[in-house]
C-alpha atoms as a PDB file:
ATOM      1  CA  MET A   1     103.622 103.354  95.065  1.00  0.00           C
ATOM      2  CA  LYS A   2     105.718 102.911  98.171  1.00  0.00           C
ATOM      3  CA  TYR A   3     107.521  99.660  98.790  1.00  0.00           C
ATOM      4  CA  GLU A   4     107.301  99.520 102.571  1.00  0.00           C
ATOM      5  CA  ARG A   5     107.361  95.720 102.419  1.00  0.00           C
ATOM      6  CA  LEU A   6     110.622  95.858 100.483  1.00  0.00           C
ATOM      7  CA  ARG A   7     112.149  98.038 103.198  1.00  0.00           C
ATOM      8  CA  LEU A   8     110.912  95.734 105.962  1.00  0.00           C
ATOM      9  CA  LEU A   9     112.340  92.688 104.212  1.00  0.00           C
ATOM     10  CA  ARG A  10     115.693  94.434 103.706  1.00  0.00           C
ATOM     11  CA  ILE A  11     115.867  95.460 107.358  1.00  0.00           C
ATOM     12  CA  SER A  12     114.866  91.991 108.583  1.00  0.00           C
ATOM     13  CA  ARG A  13     117.760  90.566 106.557  1.00  0.00           C
ATOM     14  CA  ASN A  14     120.217  93.181 107.925  1.00  0.00           C
ATOM     15  CA  ILE A  15     121.068  94.383 104.417  1.00  0.00           C
ATOM     16  CA  SER A  16     122.163  97.986 104.054  1.00  0.00           C
ATOM     17  CA  LEU A  17     120.877 100.444 101.493  1.00  0.00           C
ATOM     18  CA  GLN A  18     124.365 100.532  99.993  1.00  0.00           C
ATOM     19  CA  ASP A  19     124.474  96.734  99.668  1.00  0.00           C
ATOM     20  CA  MET A  20     121.193  96.846  97.749  1.00  0.00           C
ATOM     21  CA  ALA A  21     122.388  99.737  95.599  1.00  0.00           C
ATOM     22  CA  ASP A  22     125.582  97.841  94.778  1.00  0.00           C
ATOM     23  CA  ALA A  23     123.661  94.680  93.895  1.00  0.00           C
ATOM     24  CA  LEU A  24     121.427  96.619  91.496  1.00  0.00           C
ATOM     25  CA  GLY A  25     124.289  98.586  89.970  1.00  0.00           C
ATOM     26  CA  LEU A  26     123.107 101.896  91.407  1.00  0.00           C
ATOM     27  CA  LYS A  27     125.678 104.544  92.233  1.00  0.00           C
ATOM     28  CA  THR A  28     124.423 105.493  95.681  1.00  0.00           C
ATOM     29  CA  ALA A  29     122.402 104.150  98.592  1.00  0.00           C
ATOM     30  CA  GLY A  30     120.036 107.029  97.954  1.00  0.00           C
ATOM     31  CA  GLY A  31     119.208 105.571  94.560  1.00  0.00           C
ATOM     32  CA  TYR A  32     117.918 102.444  96.215  1.00  0.00           C
ATOM     33  CA  LEU A  33     116.184 104.412  98.974  1.00  0.00           C
ATOM     34  CA  ARG A  34     114.224 106.261  96.289  1.00  0.00           C
ATOM     35  CA  ILE A  35     112.942 102.895  95.041  1.00  0.00           C
ATOM     36  CA  GLU A  36     111.780 101.890  98.519  1.00  0.00           C
ATOM     37  CA  SER A  37     110.119 105.268  99.039  1.00  0.00           C
ATOM     38  CA  GLY A  38     108.346 105.088  95.687  1.00  0.00           C
ATOM     39  CA  GLU A  39     110.109 108.145  94.296  1.00  0.00           C
ATOM     40  CA  ASN A  40     111.727 105.952  91.608  1.00  0.00           C
ATOM     41  CA  LYS A  41     109.989 103.008  89.982  1.00  0.00           C
ATOM     42  CA  LEU A  42     110.955  99.458  90.807  1.00  0.00           C
ATOM     43  CA  LYS A  43     112.083  97.892  87.533  1.00  0.00           C
ATOM     44  CA  ALA A  44     111.114  94.350  86.616  1.00  0.00           C
ATOM     45  CA  GLU A  45     114.756  93.552  85.855  1.00  0.00           C
ATOM     46  CA  HIS A  46     115.632  94.337  89.480  1.00  0.00           C
ATOM     47  CA  LEU A  47     113.273  91.725  90.933  1.00  0.00           C
ATOM     48  CA  PRO A  48     115.483  88.633  90.330  1.00  0.00           C
ATOM     49  CA  ILE A  49     118.486  90.461  91.795  1.00  0.00           C
ATOM     50  CA  ILE A  50     116.521  91.537  94.862  1.00  0.00           C
ATOM     51  CA  ALA A  51     115.122  88.021  95.326  1.00  0.00           C
ATOM     52  CA  LYS A  52     118.631  86.566  95.209  1.00  0.00           C
ATOM     53  CA  LYS A  53     119.935  89.170  97.652  1.00  0.00           C
ATOM     54  CA  PHE A  54     117.074  88.414 100.073  1.00  0.00           C
ATOM     55  CA  GLU A  55     117.500  84.656  99.541  1.00  0.00           C
ATOM     56  CA  VAL A  56     113.902  84.085  98.450  1.00  0.00           C
ATOM     57  CA  SER A  57     112.469  82.827  95.189  1.00  0.00           C
ATOM     58  CA  LEU A  58     111.278  85.335  92.625  1.00  0.00           C
ATOM     59  CA  GLU A  59     107.734  84.053  93.092  1.00  0.00           C
ATOM     60  CA  GLU A  60     107.924  84.556  96.863  1.00  0.00           C
ATOM     61  CA  LEU A  61     109.235  88.101  96.432  1.00  0.00           C
ATOM     62  CA  ILE A  62     106.518  89.042  93.948  1.00  0.00           C
ATOM     63  CA  ALA A  63     103.797  87.564  96.149  1.00  0.00           C
ATOM     64  CA  PHE A  64     105.197  89.404  99.175  1.00  0.00           C
ATOM     65  CA  LEU A  65     105.536  92.768  97.427  1.00  0.00           C
ATOM     66  CA  PHE A  66     102.400  92.754  95.322  1.00  0.00           C
ATOM     67  CA  GLU A  67      99.970  90.693  97.385  1.00  0.00           C
ATOM     68  CA  ASP A  68      97.453  93.541  97.662  1.00  0.00           C
ATOM     69  CA  GLN A  69      97.563  94.325  93.944  1.00  0.00           C
ATOM     70  CA  LEU A  70      97.275  90.651  93.003  1.00  0.00           C
ATOM     71  CA  ASP A  71      94.199  90.323  95.210  1.00  0.00           C
ATOM     72  CA  GLU A  72      92.644  93.375  93.526  1.00  0.00           C
ATOM     73  CA  CYS A  73      93.354  91.977  90.044  1.00  0.00           C
ATOM     74  CA  SER A  74      91.880  88.630  90.981  1.00  0.00           C
ATOM     75  CA  THR A  75      88.748  90.246  92.419  1.00  0.00           C
ATOM     76  CA  SER A  76      88.376  92.481  89.362  1.00  0.00           C
ATOM     77  CA  SER A  77      88.737  89.539  86.979  1.00  0.00           C
ATOM     78  CA  ASN A  78      86.174  87.518  88.909  1.00  0.00           C
ATOM     79  CA  GLU A  79      83.709  90.424  88.929  1.00  0.00           C
ATOM     80  CA  GLN A  80      84.110  90.907  85.174  1.00  0.00           C
ATOM     81  CA  ALA A  81      83.588  87.204  84.532  1.00  0.00           C
ATOM     82  CA  VAL A  82      80.390  87.209  86.614  1.00  0.00           C
ATOM     83  CA  THR A  83      78.975  90.295  84.876  1.00  0.00           C
ATOM     84  CA  SER A  84      79.855  88.909  81.449  1.00  0.00           C
ATOM     85  CA  ALA A  85      78.053  85.621  82.091  1.00  0.00           C
END
């Protein structure tokens, strides 16, 4: 999974790759770039740090990053409930 939205948010806030790497305790900017590109997984423990760095709530960040997946889960749950009834 690529985190294009994460990259766009970082760029809109004028935050460098190195700033994000430092905030997450990563050794290099490339480590963070690999998260944005989907090469490395985004860890749940990173989300509060990223939210703070971007000055948004954790809920806002999750909604922004995973909106498509949340919609799919909601649709799937609704379809299962209808077929079960």
